[in-house]
Amino acid sequence: IQYNSGTLTVQSGSSTTIKAPTLGINETEGINFTATNDPFDKMVAAIGNKTFESLPKAFEAAVNGDVITLLKDINNTTTDRINCYIKGNINVTLDGNGKTITNKANVVLAFFNNVSGVGSVTVKDLTLISDDSTSIGTVLQVNANTKVTLDGCKLDTLHNNKFGAVYM
């Protein structure tokens, strides 16, 4: 089922079957469906046709050579940084798709390698903004055994904090 603000009618007595458990639909007949909200609106990232509710979940699923595409801006108003784990010796691209991640946490986006080896991420066309006015205010954290390449990105700290834009 693809959301496009339309109406779907299933005729009573027809042999039509609809199964979409994530939308709460199971084998229904004789009912009109009207799309009122995009059920996929909460998806923020994709690898090919597979979508994810969070950037960390996309990185968890990524394998060597995958391109993770950011689908929308992320405005994180909590104090939780976005931790992305790379699995070992893989190379992944994060295509920011012209989007922005703004975060109130002391670190906006952090990359870790939780398996032996050196993992690498190429980050393209992404704006990262730290809106942390009380603490570190770091935009990007790169941890051991992780290589990050920036291509056409913008890193911005909105406040004059203790550390710079990148923490390694």
N, C-alpha and C. Protein backbone atom coordinates (compact mmCIF):
# COMPACT_ATOMS: atom_id res chain seq x y z
N ILE A 1 0.86 -1.17 0.00
CA ILE A 1 0.00 0.00 0.00
C ILE A 1 0.90 1.22 0.00
N GLN A 2 0.65 2.11 -0.90
CA GLN A 2 1.41 3.36 -0.96
C GLN A 2 0.45 4.50 -0.68
N TYR A 3 0.83 5.36 0.22
CA TYR A 3 -0.01 6.48 0.62
C TYR A 3 0.04 7.58 -0.43
N ASN A 4 -1.15 8.05 -0.86
CA ASN A 4 -1.19 9.16 -1.80
C ASN A 4 -2.52 9.91 -1.66
N SER A 5 -3.06 9.97 -0.44
CA SER A 5 -4.29 10.71 -0.12
C SER A 5 -5.50 10.25 -0.93
N GLY A 6 -5.54 8.99 -1.30
CA GLY A 6 -6.65 8.49 -2.09
C GLY A 6 -7.64 7.69 -1.26
N THR A 7 -8.61 7.07 -1.92
CA THR A 7 -9.60 6.22 -1.27
C THR A 7 -9.57 4.85 -1.93
N LEU A 8 -9.61 3.81 -1.14
CA LEU A 8 -9.62 2.44 -1.62
C LEU A 8 -10.91 1.79 -1.14
N THR A 9 -11.66 1.17 -2.05
CA THR A 9 -12.88 0.46 -1.68
C THR A 9 -12.71 -1.02 -2.02
N VAL A 10 -13.02 -1.87 -1.06
CA VAL A 10 -13.01 -3.31 -1.29
C VAL A 10 -14.46 -3.77 -1.28
N GLN A 11 -14.93 -4.31 -2.40
CA GLN A 11 -16.33 -4.72 -2.54
C GLN A 11 -16.64 -5.93 -1.67
N SER A 12 -17.79 -5.91 -1.02
CA SER A 12 -18.25 -7.07 -0.25
C SER A 12 -18.42 -8.25 -1.19
N GLY A 13 -18.04 -9.42 -0.72
CA GLY A 13 -18.20 -10.63 -1.51
C GLY A 13 -17.11 -10.83 -2.54
N SER A 14 -16.20 -9.87 -2.67
CA SER A 14 -15.11 -10.06 -3.63
C SER A 14 -14.06 -10.96 -3.01
N SER A 15 -13.16 -11.44 -3.83
CA SER A 15 -12.09 -12.29 -3.31
C SER A 15 -10.84 -11.49 -3.00
N THR A 16 -10.98 -10.19 -2.78
CA THR A 16 -9.85 -9.32 -2.48
C THR A 16 -9.37 -9.53 -1.06
N THR A 17 -8.09 -9.64 -0.90
CA THR A 17 -7.48 -9.78 0.43
C THR A 17 -6.41 -8.72 0.57
N ILE A 18 -6.42 -8.05 1.69
CA ILE A 18 -5.39 -7.05 1.98
C ILE A 18 -4.73 -7.45 3.29
N LYS A 19 -3.41 -7.54 3.25
CA LYS A 19 -2.65 -7.80 4.48
C LYS A 19 -1.57 -6.74 4.59
N ALA A 20 -1.67 -5.94 5.59
CA ALA A 20 -0.67 -4.91 5.86
C ALA A 20 -0.61 -4.75 7.38
N PRO A 21 0.00 -5.72 8.08
CA PRO A 21 -0.01 -5.72 9.55
C PRO A 21 0.57 -4.44 10.17
N THR A 22 1.55 -3.84 9.50
CA THR A 22 2.13 -2.63 10.08
C THR A 22 1.15 -1.47 10.07
N LEU A 23 0.12 -1.55 9.20
CA LEU A 23 -0.91 -0.52 9.16
C LEU A 23 -2.16 -0.96 9.91
N GLY A 24 -2.13 -2.17 10.49
CA GLY A 24 -3.27 -2.66 11.23
C GLY A 24 -4.38 -3.19 10.33
N ILE A 25 -4.05 -3.61 9.11
CA ILE A 25 -5.06 -4.12 8.17
C ILE A 25 -4.83 -5.62 7.99
N ASN A 26 -5.86 -6.43 8.18
CA ASN A 26 -5.77 -7.86 7.95
C ASN A 26 -7.04 -8.35 7.27
N GLU A 27 -6.92 -8.87 6.06
CA GLU A 27 -7.99 -9.52 5.31
C GLU A 27 -9.36 -8.86 5.53
N THR A 28 -9.57 -7.74 4.87
CA THR A 28 -10.79 -6.96 5.07
C THR A 28 -11.60 -6.90 3.79
N GLU A 29 -12.93 -7.04 3.91
CA GLU A 29 -13.83 -6.89 2.77
C GLU A 29 -14.94 -5.92 3.14
N GLY A 30 -15.47 -5.24 2.13
CA GLY A 30 -16.64 -4.40 2.31
C GLY A 30 -16.39 -3.14 3.12
N ILE A 31 -15.17 -2.66 3.09
CA ILE A 31 -14.83 -1.46 3.87
C ILE A 31 -14.16 -0.44 2.95
N ASN A 32 -14.44 0.83 3.18
CA ASN A 32 -13.74 1.90 2.47
C ASN A 32 -12.58 2.38 3.32
N PHE A 33 -11.45 2.58 2.70
CA PHE A 33 -10.28 3.12 3.38
C PHE A 33 -10.03 4.51 2.82
N THR A 34 -9.87 5.48 3.66
CA THR A 34 -9.49 6.81 3.23
C THR A 34 -8.18 7.17 3.91
N ALA A 35 -7.19 7.48 3.11
CA ALA A 35 -5.88 7.83 3.65
C ALA A 35 -5.93 9.24 4.25
N THR A 36 -5.68 9.34 5.54
CA THR A 36 -5.71 10.64 6.18
C THR A 36 -4.33 11.08 6.64
N ASN A 37 -3.49 10.14 6.97
CA ASN A 37 -2.12 10.44 7.39
C ASN A 37 -1.16 9.52 6.66
N ASP A 38 0.00 10.02 6.36
CA ASP A 38 1.00 9.20 5.70
C ASP A 38 1.58 8.23 6.73
N PRO A 39 1.33 6.91 6.61
CA PRO A 39 1.84 5.97 7.59
C PRO A 39 3.36 5.85 7.57
N PHE A 40 3.98 6.33 6.51
CA PHE A 40 5.42 6.25 6.40
C PHE A 40 6.11 7.55 6.77
N ASP A 41 5.36 8.51 7.29
CA ASP A 41 5.91 9.82 7.64
C ASP A 41 7.01 9.73 8.68
N LYS A 42 6.96 8.71 9.52
CA LYS A 42 7.97 8.59 10.58
C LYS A 42 9.28 8.00 10.06
N MET A 43 9.32 7.56 8.83
CA MET A 43 10.55 6.99 8.27
C MET A 43 11.53 8.12 7.94
N VAL A 44 12.76 8.00 8.42
CA VAL A 44 13.74 9.07 8.22
C VAL A 44 14.88 8.69 7.29
N ALA A 45 15.07 7.39 7.05
CA ALA A 45 16.20 6.97 6.23
C ALA A 45 15.81 5.76 5.39
N ALA A 46 16.56 5.56 4.30
CA ALA A 46 16.30 4.41 3.43
C ALA A 46 17.61 3.85 2.89
N ILE A 47 17.60 2.53 2.70
CA ILE A 47 18.65 1.85 1.93
C ILE A 47 17.89 1.20 0.79
N GLY A 48 18.04 1.74 -0.40
CA GLY A 48 17.23 1.27 -1.53
C GLY A 48 15.76 1.51 -1.23
N ASN A 49 14.94 0.46 -1.31
CA ASN A 49 13.50 0.57 -1.05
C ASN A 49 13.12 0.29 0.40
N LYS A 50 14.08 -0.10 1.23
CA LYS A 50 13.79 -0.40 2.63
C LYS A 50 13.95 0.87 3.47
N THR A 51 12.91 1.20 4.23
CA THR A 51 12.93 2.43 5.02
C THR A 51 13.12 2.12 6.51
N PHE A 52 13.61 3.13 7.23
CA PHE A 52 13.94 2.98 8.65
C PHE A 52 13.42 4.18 9.43
N GLU A 53 13.00 3.92 10.68
CA GLU A 53 12.48 4.97 11.55
C GLU A 53 13.59 5.81 12.17
N SER A 54 14.83 5.35 12.08
CA SER A 54 15.93 6.12 12.66
C SER A 54 17.20 5.88 11.86
N LEU A 55 18.11 6.82 11.96
CA LEU A 55 19.41 6.68 11.31
C LEU A 55 20.20 5.52 11.92
N PRO A 56 20.22 5.36 13.26
CA PRO A 56 20.93 4.21 13.83
C PRO A 56 20.40 2.86 13.32
N LYS A 57 19.10 2.73 13.12
CA LYS A 57 18.55 1.47 12.61
C LYS A 57 19.01 1.23 11.17
N ALA A 58 19.13 2.27 10.39
CA ALA A 58 19.63 2.12 9.02
C ALA A 58 21.09 1.67 9.03
N PHE A 59 21.90 2.26 9.91
CA PHE A 59 23.31 1.85 10.00
C PHE A 59 23.43 0.41 10.49
N GLU A 60 22.55 0.01 11.38
CA GLU A 60 22.55 -1.36 11.90
C GLU A 60 22.30 -2.37 10.77
N ALA A 61 21.48 -2.00 9.81
CA ALA A 61 21.13 -2.88 8.70
C ALA A 61 22.12 -2.80 7.54
N ALA A 62 22.96 -1.78 7.51
CA ALA A 62 23.83 -1.53 6.35
C ALA A 62 24.91 -2.60 6.20
N VAL A 63 25.19 -2.91 4.96
CA VAL A 63 26.30 -3.80 4.61
C VAL A 63 27.24 -3.04 3.69
N ASN A 64 28.38 -3.63 3.42
CA ASN A 64 29.41 -2.98 2.62
C ASN A 64 28.84 -2.47 1.29
N GLY A 65 29.10 -1.19 1.00
CA GLY A 65 28.68 -0.58 -0.25
C GLY A 65 27.31 0.07 -0.23
N ASP A 66 26.56 -0.09 0.87
CA ASP A 66 25.22 0.49 0.93
C ASP A 66 25.25 2.01 0.96
N VAL A 67 24.20 2.61 0.41
CA VAL A 67 23.98 4.05 0.50
C VAL A 67 22.74 4.26 1.36
N ILE A 68 22.92 4.94 2.47
CA ILE A 68 21.81 5.29 3.35
C ILE A 68 21.39 6.71 2.97
N THR A 69 20.13 6.88 2.59
CA THR A 69 19.64 8.19 2.17
C THR A 69 18.74 8.76 3.25
N LEU A 70 19.04 9.99 3.66
CA LEU A 70 18.18 10.68 4.63
C LEU A 70 16.95 11.16 3.89
N LEU A 71 15.76 10.85 4.40
CA LEU A 71 14.51 11.17 3.71
C LEU A 71 13.91 12.50 4.13
N LYS A 72 14.28 12.97 5.32
CA LYS A 72 13.72 14.23 5.80
C LYS A 72 14.64 14.83 6.85
N ASP A 73 14.40 16.10 7.16
CA ASP A 73 15.15 16.75 8.22
C ASP A 73 14.86 16.08 9.55
N ILE A 74 15.85 16.08 10.43
CA ILE A 74 15.67 15.56 11.79
C ILE A 74 15.91 16.72 12.74
N ASN A 75 14.95 16.97 13.61
CA ASN A 75 15.09 18.00 14.63
C ASN A 75 14.93 17.32 15.99
N ASN A 76 16.05 16.93 16.57
CA ASN A 76 16.05 16.21 17.84
C ASN A 76 16.06 17.21 18.99
N THR A 77 14.97 17.29 19.72
CA THR A 77 14.86 18.25 20.82
C THR A 77 15.26 17.64 22.16
N THR A 78 15.66 16.37 22.16
CA THR A 78 16.12 15.75 23.40
C THR A 78 17.62 15.99 23.55
N THR A 79 18.18 15.48 24.61
CA THR A 79 19.63 15.61 24.80
C THR A 79 20.35 14.31 24.43
N ASP A 80 19.74 13.50 23.58
CA ASP A 80 20.34 12.24 23.12
C ASP A 80 21.03 12.45 21.78
N ARG A 81 22.31 12.12 21.73
CA ARG A 81 23.00 12.20 20.45
C ARG A 81 22.56 11.03 19.58
N ILE A 82 22.77 11.13 18.29
CA ILE A 82 22.43 10.08 17.35
C ILE A 82 23.68 9.23 17.14
N ASN A 83 23.68 8.01 17.70
CA ASN A 83 24.82 7.10 17.62
C ASN A 83 24.63 6.12 16.47
N CYS A 84 25.56 6.12 15.53
CA CYS A 84 25.51 5.22 14.39
C CYS A 84 26.69 4.26 14.46
N TYR A 85 26.40 2.96 14.47
CA TYR A 85 27.43 1.94 14.60
C TYR A 85 27.70 1.30 13.25
N ILE A 86 28.99 1.27 12.89
CA ILE A 86 29.44 0.65 11.65
C ILE A 86 29.94 -0.74 12.01
N LYS A 87 29.57 -1.73 11.23
CA LYS A 87 29.91 -3.11 11.56
C LYS A 87 31.19 -3.55 10.85
N GLY A 88 32.34 -3.33 11.49
CA GLY A 88 33.60 -3.85 10.98
C GLY A 88 34.13 -3.14 9.76
N ASN A 89 34.78 -3.92 8.88
CA ASN A 89 35.45 -3.38 7.70
C ASN A 89 34.48 -3.13 6.56
N ILE A 90 33.53 -2.25 6.75
CA ILE A 90 32.60 -1.94 5.66
C ILE A 90 32.70 -0.46 5.31
N ASN A 91 32.33 -0.16 4.09
CA ASN A 91 32.26 1.21 3.61
C ASN A 91 30.80 1.54 3.30
N VAL A 92 30.31 2.59 3.92
CA VAL A 92 28.92 2.99 3.77
C VAL A 92 28.88 4.47 3.41
N THR A 93 27.89 4.87 2.62
CA THR A 93 27.68 6.28 2.32
C THR A 93 26.39 6.75 2.98
N LEU A 94 26.47 7.89 3.64
CA LEU A 94 25.28 8.55 4.16
C LEU A 94 25.01 9.73 3.24
N ASP A 95 23.98 9.60 2.41
CA ASP A 95 23.59 10.67 1.50
C ASP A 95 22.58 11.54 2.24
N GLY A 96 23.02 12.74 2.65
CA GLY A 96 22.15 13.64 3.38
C GLY A 96 20.99 14.17 2.56
N ASN A 97 21.09 14.06 1.24
CA ASN A 97 19.98 14.42 0.36
C ASN A 97 19.54 15.88 0.57
N GLY A 98 20.51 16.74 0.95
CA GLY A 98 20.21 18.16 1.17
C GLY A 98 19.48 18.45 2.46
N LYS A 99 19.36 17.45 3.33
CA LYS A 99 18.61 17.60 4.58
C LYS A 99 19.50 18.11 5.71
N THR A 100 18.86 18.42 6.85
CA THR A 100 19.54 18.97 8.02
C THR A 100 19.20 18.14 9.25
N ILE A 101 20.21 17.87 10.07
CA ILE A 101 20.00 17.27 11.39
C ILE A 101 20.37 18.32 12.42
N THR A 102 19.40 18.71 13.24
CA THR A 102 19.62 19.66 14.33
C THR A 102 19.39 18.91 15.63
N ASN A 103 20.29 19.12 16.59
CA ASN A 103 20.22 18.36 17.82
C ASN A 103 20.57 19.24 19.01
N LYS A 104 19.85 19.07 20.12
CA LYS A 104 20.15 19.80 21.36
C LYS A 104 21.13 19.03 22.24
N ALA A 105 21.53 17.84 21.82
CA ALA A 105 22.47 17.03 22.60
C ALA A 105 23.87 17.64 22.54
N ASN A 106 24.76 17.16 23.42
CA ASN A 106 26.13 17.70 23.41
C ASN A 106 26.91 17.24 22.19
N VAL A 107 26.43 16.21 21.48
CA VAL A 107 26.99 15.77 20.21
C VAL A 107 25.81 15.50 19.28
N VAL A 108 25.84 16.02 18.06
CA VAL A 108 24.73 15.81 17.13
C VAL A 108 24.74 14.40 16.57
N LEU A 109 25.87 13.99 15.96
CA LEU A 109 25.96 12.72 15.27
C LEU A 109 27.30 12.07 15.61
N ALA A 110 27.27 10.81 16.05
CA ALA A 110 28.49 10.10 16.43
C ALA A 110 28.59 8.79 15.66
N PHE A 111 29.79 8.50 15.16
CA PHE A 111 30.04 7.25 14.46
C PHE A 111 30.97 6.37 15.28
N PHE A 112 30.59 5.10 15.44
CA PHE A 112 31.37 4.12 16.18
C PHE A 112 31.55 2.89 15.31
N ASN A 113 32.59 2.11 15.57
CA ASN A 113 32.78 0.81 14.95
C ASN A 113 32.71 -0.21 16.07
N ASN A 114 31.66 -1.03 16.10
CA ASN A 114 31.49 -1.96 17.21
C ASN A 114 31.99 -3.36 16.91
N VAL A 115 32.76 -3.52 15.82
CA VAL A 115 33.36 -4.79 15.47
C VAL A 115 34.81 -4.49 15.11
N SER A 116 35.68 -5.50 15.18
CA SER A 116 37.09 -5.25 14.84
C SER A 116 37.21 -4.85 13.38
N GLY A 117 38.27 -4.11 13.08
CA GLY A 117 38.49 -3.58 11.74
C GLY A 117 38.22 -2.10 11.71
N VAL A 118 38.40 -1.52 10.55
CA VAL A 118 38.16 -0.09 10.39
C VAL A 118 37.01 0.10 9.41
N GLY A 119 35.93 0.69 9.89
CA GLY A 119 34.80 0.98 9.03
C GLY A 119 34.88 2.41 8.54
N SER A 120 34.29 2.66 7.38
CA SER A 120 34.34 4.03 6.87
C SER A 120 32.95 4.48 6.41
N VAL A 121 32.73 5.77 6.59
CA VAL A 121 31.47 6.40 6.17
C VAL A 121 31.81 7.63 5.36
N THR A 122 31.22 7.76 4.19
CA THR A 122 31.29 9.00 3.44
C THR A 122 29.96 9.71 3.65
N VAL A 123 30.02 10.93 4.19
CA VAL A 123 28.81 11.71 4.44
C VAL A 123 28.74 12.79 3.38
N LYS A 124 27.63 12.80 2.62
CA LYS A 124 27.48 13.73 1.50
C LYS A 124 26.25 14.61 1.69
N ASP A 125 26.38 15.87 1.30
CA ASP A 125 25.23 16.77 1.15
C ASP A 125 24.33 16.81 2.39
N LEU A 126 24.96 17.02 3.57
CA LEU A 126 24.22 17.02 4.83
C LEU A 126 24.65 18.21 5.68
N THR A 127 23.68 18.84 6.32
CA THR A 127 23.96 19.92 7.28
C THR A 127 23.71 19.38 8.67
N LEU A 128 24.70 19.57 9.55
CA LEU A 128 24.59 19.16 10.96
C LEU A 128 24.68 20.41 11.82
N ILE A 129 23.69 20.61 12.70
CA ILE A 129 23.66 21.81 13.53
C ILE A 129 23.55 21.41 14.99
N SER A 130 24.47 21.91 15.81
CA SER A 130 24.40 21.73 17.26
C SER A 130 23.70 22.93 17.86
N ASP A 131 22.61 22.66 18.58
CA ASP A 131 21.87 23.71 19.27
C ASP A 131 21.99 23.52 20.79
N ASP A 132 23.15 23.00 21.22
CA ASP A 132 23.41 22.77 22.65
C ASP A 132 24.02 24.03 23.23
N SER A 133 23.28 24.72 24.06
CA SER A 133 23.76 25.99 24.62
C SER A 133 24.39 25.84 26.00
N THR A 134 24.44 24.62 26.53
CA THR A 134 24.90 24.46 27.91
C THR A 134 26.17 23.65 28.07
N SER A 135 26.61 22.96 27.03
CA SER A 135 27.68 21.99 27.23
C SER A 135 28.72 22.03 26.12
N ILE A 136 29.01 20.88 25.57
CA ILE A 136 30.09 20.71 24.61
C ILE A 136 29.78 21.36 23.27
N GLY A 137 28.63 21.08 22.72
CA GLY A 137 28.23 21.67 21.46
C GLY A 137 28.94 21.12 20.25
N THR A 138 29.41 19.86 20.31
CA THR A 138 30.10 19.24 19.19
C THR A 138 29.09 18.77 18.15
N VAL A 139 29.42 18.96 16.89
CA VAL A 139 28.52 18.57 15.81
C VAL A 139 28.74 17.12 15.40
N LEU A 140 30.00 16.71 15.24
CA LEU A 140 30.31 15.38 14.73
C LEU A 140 31.36 14.73 15.62
N GLN A 141 31.11 13.48 16.03
CA GLN A 141 32.08 12.72 16.82
C GLN A 141 32.51 11.51 16.02
N VAL A 142 33.83 11.35 15.85
CA VAL A 142 34.39 10.22 15.12
C VAL A 142 35.22 9.41 16.10
N ASN A 143 34.85 8.17 16.33
CA ASN A 143 35.51 7.34 17.33
C ASN A 143 36.52 6.39 16.71
N ALA A 144 37.26 5.67 17.58
CA ALA A 144 38.32 4.75 17.16
C ALA A 144 37.82 3.76 16.11
N ASN A 145 38.71 3.39 15.22
CA ASN A 145 38.44 2.43 14.16
C ASN A 145 37.32 2.87 13.21
N THR A 146 37.15 4.16 13.11
CA THR A 146 36.13 4.72 12.22
C THR A 146 36.74 5.83 11.39
N LYS A 147 36.53 5.77 10.09
CA LYS A 147 37.01 6.80 9.18
C LYS A 147 35.80 7.49 8.57
N VAL A 148 35.75 8.83 8.67
CA VAL A 148 34.64 9.58 8.11
C VAL A 148 35.18 10.57 7.09
N THR A 149 34.56 10.59 5.91
CA THR A 149 34.90 11.55 4.85
C THR A 149 33.67 12.43 4.64
N LEU A 150 33.88 13.74 4.66
CA LEU A 150 32.79 14.69 4.43
C LEU A 150 32.87 15.22 3.00
N ASP A 151 31.74 15.26 2.32
CA ASP A 151 31.67 15.72 0.95
C ASP A 151 30.46 16.64 0.80
N GLY A 152 30.70 17.93 0.71
CA GLY A 152 29.61 18.89 0.53
C GLY A 152 28.73 19.04 1.75
N CYS A 153 29.32 18.95 2.93
CA CYS A 153 28.56 19.05 4.18
C CYS A 153 28.79 20.40 4.85
N LYS A 154 27.86 20.75 5.75
CA LYS A 154 27.99 21.96 6.54
C LYS A 154 27.85 21.57 8.01
N LEU A 155 28.83 21.95 8.84
CA LEU A 155 28.80 21.71 10.28
C LEU A 155 28.70 23.06 10.96
N ASP A 156 27.72 23.20 11.87
CA ASP A 156 27.48 24.50 12.48
C ASP A 156 27.17 24.33 13.97
N THR A 157 27.83 25.12 14.80
CA THR A 157 27.48 25.20 16.22
C THR A 157 26.84 26.56 16.43
N LEU A 158 25.65 26.57 17.01
CA LEU A 158 24.92 27.81 17.18
C LEU A 158 25.36 28.60 18.40
N HIS A 159 26.15 27.96 19.26
CA HIS A 159 26.56 28.61 20.50
C HIS A 159 28.08 28.49 20.67
N ASN A 160 28.67 29.39 21.41
CA ASN A 160 30.11 29.40 21.64
C ASN A 160 30.42 28.47 22.81
N ASN A 161 30.64 27.18 22.51
CA ASN A 161 30.84 26.19 23.54
C ASN A 161 32.30 25.79 23.67
N LYS A 162 32.57 24.85 24.57
CA LYS A 162 33.94 24.45 24.91
C LYS A 162 34.72 23.82 23.77
N PHE A 163 34.06 23.01 22.97
CA PHE A 163 34.75 22.24 21.95
C PHE A 163 34.36 22.73 20.55
N GLY A 164 35.10 22.27 19.56
CA GLY A 164 34.83 22.66 18.19
C GLY A 164 33.75 21.80 17.56
N ALA A 165 33.64 21.92 16.26
CA ALA A 165 32.59 21.23 15.53
C ALA A 165 32.82 19.71 15.48
N VAL A 166 34.09 19.28 15.48
CA VAL A 166 34.39 17.85 15.35
C VAL A 166 35.19 17.38 16.55
N TYR A 167 34.79 16.24 17.10
CA TYR A 167 35.48 15.60 18.24
C TYR A 167 35.96 14.24 17.76
N MET A 168 37.31 14.02 17.87
CA MET A 168 37.86 12.73 17.44
C MET A 168 38.68 12.14 18.56
